[in-house]
């Protein structure tokens, strides 16, 4: 049996520093357990820049080698690595990946596009996985704490949910022993990786939008229904006289009364 894990470069939510993706780390942990149990061959694949230091963290998480598929610069700018990954993954029995990468513009469509290119079934939001008799039994994450078991015939692609039942183990010694292996690909003629400068992405820091402050509604549902059909005074005060400091103090007192500020 041959198992492959697709890994991406994550991003720290505060500092923005490149790091391993925690969702892909969960997929790698599941794959390591399956490979040990069933004696399968495990390959860890990444499409992108082999010099990215975040890839070495997957070595510390248990990968012996991370195979990096070189992607043309035009494809990297558009974030499309479907063609080189699909060409490399042909012949594998099981492909594991995270649900989506951690970038702000990552759509989560890569597992679906790779599965479509390989013509294999896809099961998403997996929290645990077992293999038996040529099929995979997947327990899926569902809203409100529900879970669902699904059987899928191999070969298949499984997208692991961020809340999967895994506990990744990080060891610095494994980071020193593992290797990052760049591999050249020939996908420049593919229509998915055609050079199109007009579709190049522009990345910039997100800007915070102003939040409108609104006092919490403390009336009962019956009272709110009556106010929709009748005209009534809702209280409040109109401050016309006084200096700007006094008017500001009235506004600040209102915000504190309704707990809209904490100072």
Foldseek 3Di string as FASTA:
>chain_A
DEEEQEWDWAADPPPRQTATFLQSLQQVQQVVVQCVVPVYHYAYEYEDDLPRPRVLQVLQLPDQEYEYEYAPPQCVLLVDPQVVVLVVPPPGWEYEYAQWGHDPPIDSCNLVSSCVSNVAAEAEQFQHWDDDDQWIWTWHDDPPRDIDIDIGGIPYYYHYYSNHPDDGGGDVVSSVNHYYHYDYDDCAPPPSRDHDPVSGDDDDDDDDDDDDDDFDDDDDPVVVVVVVVDPDDPDDDDDDDDDPVVVVVVVVVVCVVRVVDDD
